[in-house]
Protein backbone atom coordinates (compact mmCIF):
# COMPACT_ATOMS: atom_id res chain seq x y z
CA MET A 1 88.91 98.09 103.46
CA ALA A 2 92.38 98.82 102.19
CA ALA A 3 93.91 101.67 104.15
CA LYS A 4 95.26 104.49 102.01
CA PRO A 5 98.52 106.25 102.91
CA GLY A 6 97.97 109.47 104.83
CA LYS A 7 94.28 108.82 105.55
CA TYR A 8 93.02 108.48 109.13
CA TYR A 9 90.47 105.83 110.08
CA ASP A 10 88.28 105.57 113.14
CA VAL A 11 88.25 101.80 113.36
CA LEU A 12 85.92 101.69 116.37
CA ARG A 13 83.21 103.79 114.74
CA ALA A 14 83.72 102.10 111.36
CA GLY A 15 83.24 98.64 112.92
CA PRO A 16 79.92 97.80 111.25
CA SER A 17 81.05 99.16 107.88
CA LEU A 18 84.32 97.19 107.85
CA LYS A 19 84.44 94.11 105.66
CA TRP A 20 84.29 91.36 108.28
CA GLU A 21 85.19 87.84 107.11
CA ARG A 22 85.87 84.53 108.77
CA ALA A 23 89.54 84.59 109.78
CA GLU A 24 91.39 81.90 107.85
CA GLY A 25 93.06 79.32 110.09
CA GLU A 26 91.18 80.50 113.17
CA PRO A 27 88.36 78.68 114.98
CA GLU A 28 84.67 79.38 114.39
CA GLY A 29 83.74 82.61 116.16
CA VAL A 30 86.70 84.66 114.89
CA LEU A 31 86.14 87.36 112.27
CA GLU A 32 88.71 89.72 110.81
CA ALA A 33 88.70 93.01 108.96
CA VAL A 34 91.96 93.47 107.07
CA LEU A 35 93.16 97.06 107.22
CA ARG A 36 96.37 96.58 105.21
CA LYS A 37 98.21 93.73 103.51
CA HIS A 38 101.97 94.12 103.47
CA ARG A 39 104.37 93.22 100.65
CA ASP A 40 106.13 90.69 102.89
CA GLY A 41 102.87 88.72 103.34
CA GLY A 42 102.08 90.25 106.72
CA ARG A 43 98.94 92.17 107.57
CA THR A 44 97.39 94.70 109.89
CA HIS A 45 93.90 93.64 110.87
CA VAL A 46 91.21 93.86 113.51
CA LEU A 47 89.92 90.61 115.00
CA ARG A 48 86.49 90.17 116.55
CA VAL A 49 86.24 87.09 118.79
CA GLU A 50 82.94 85.83 120.20
CA ALA A 51 82.71 84.89 123.88
CA GLY A 52 83.10 81.15 124.31
CA THR A 53 85.44 80.74 121.33
CA VAL A 54 88.15 78.20 122.09
CA PHE A 55 91.63 78.11 120.57
CA PRO A 56 92.30 74.49 121.55
CA SER A 57 96.05 74.24 120.97
CA ALA A 58 99.14 76.34 121.49
CA VAL A 59 100.32 77.89 118.23
CA SER A 60 103.49 79.33 116.77
CA HIS A 61 103.97 81.27 113.55
CA GLU A 62 106.69 82.21 111.11
CA PHE A 63 105.72 85.86 111.59
CA PHE A 64 106.08 88.32 114.45
CA GLU A 65 102.75 89.11 116.09
CA GLU A 66 101.78 92.23 118.05
CA ALA A 67 98.29 92.50 119.47
CA TYR A 68 96.53 95.30 121.31
CA TYR A 69 93.32 94.21 123.03
CA ILE A 70 90.86 97.07 122.57
CA GLU A 71 88.14 95.35 124.59
CA GLY A 72 87.14 91.99 126.00
CA GLU A 73 88.81 89.21 127.97
CA MET A 74 90.82 86.23 126.76
CA LEU A 75 92.07 83.45 129.06
CA ASN A 76 95.36 81.68 128.43
CA THR A 77 94.24 78.24 129.60
CA LYS A 78 97.83 77.07 130.11
CA THR A 79 98.93 79.92 132.40
CA ASN A 80 95.49 81.06 133.67
CA GLU A 81 96.49 84.62 132.74
CA VAL A 82 93.58 86.83 131.64
CA ILE A 83 94.28 89.29 128.82
CA LYS A 84 91.95 92.31 129.06
CA GLY A 85 91.06 95.38 127.06
CA GLY A 86 94.02 97.76 127.17
CA ASP A 87 96.60 94.93 127.20
CA TYR A 88 99.37 94.57 124.60
CA VAL A 89 101.30 91.42 123.73
CA PHE A 90 104.25 90.69 121.42
CA HIS A 91 105.16 87.21 120.19
CA LYS A 92 108.43 86.46 118.42
CA GLN A 93 108.58 84.23 115.37
CA ARG A 94 108.05 80.57 116.33
CA GLU A 95 107.16 81.48 119.97
CA LYS A 96 104.47 79.11 121.27
CA HIS A 97 101.46 80.77 122.87
CA GLY A 98 98.05 79.57 123.99
CA PRO A 99 95.76 77.70 124.15
CA PHE A 100 93.07 80.34 124.77
CA ARG A 101 89.39 80.70 125.60
CA CYS A 102 87.49 83.93 125.01
CA LEU A 103 85.67 84.96 128.21
CA LYS A 104 84.12 88.23 126.99
CA PRO A 105 83.78 89.36 123.36
CA CYS A 106 87.14 90.69 122.16
CA LEU A 107 88.17 93.33 119.67
CA ILE A 108 91.89 93.06 118.90
CA LEU A 109 94.14 95.21 116.70
CA GLU A 110 96.87 92.90 115.43
CA PHE A 111 100.02 93.37 113.38
CA ARG A 112 101.65 90.38 111.67
CA TYR A 113 104.99 90.86 109.91
CA TYR A 114 108.13 89.02 108.92
CA GLY A 115 111.63 89.97 110.04
C-alpha cells in the first residue's frame, strides 16, 4: 500500500488487507507493511512481530527511528525494560538499542528518516 496525500487510512482495520512482507534485515518472525517510502530513503511502516522473536544483538542505524507500540510487549534484554502497547520511543542516528525479545505479539508504527 502506498499512502496517497490527503487520504485517511485505518491501519488497524486494514491490517489483513495490507501487503505484509518479511522485513528486510530483521529476524524471522518480523513482517512489515510499508505505508510510505520517502525520497531520502526513509519509510513509514507498520511492523508485526511474533511472540518469541529474538533480536539477538544491539543495533544502531544511520537513520532516526521513532516507534509507537500499538499493542504487545517487547523486552529489552539488556535493561530488562518492557515496552508495552501505548509506549513511544525515539532513537537518534547511531544510537545503540537492544537486544530485544518479543513477549507478546507486537504491532508497531515506525518512522525511519534521515536528518
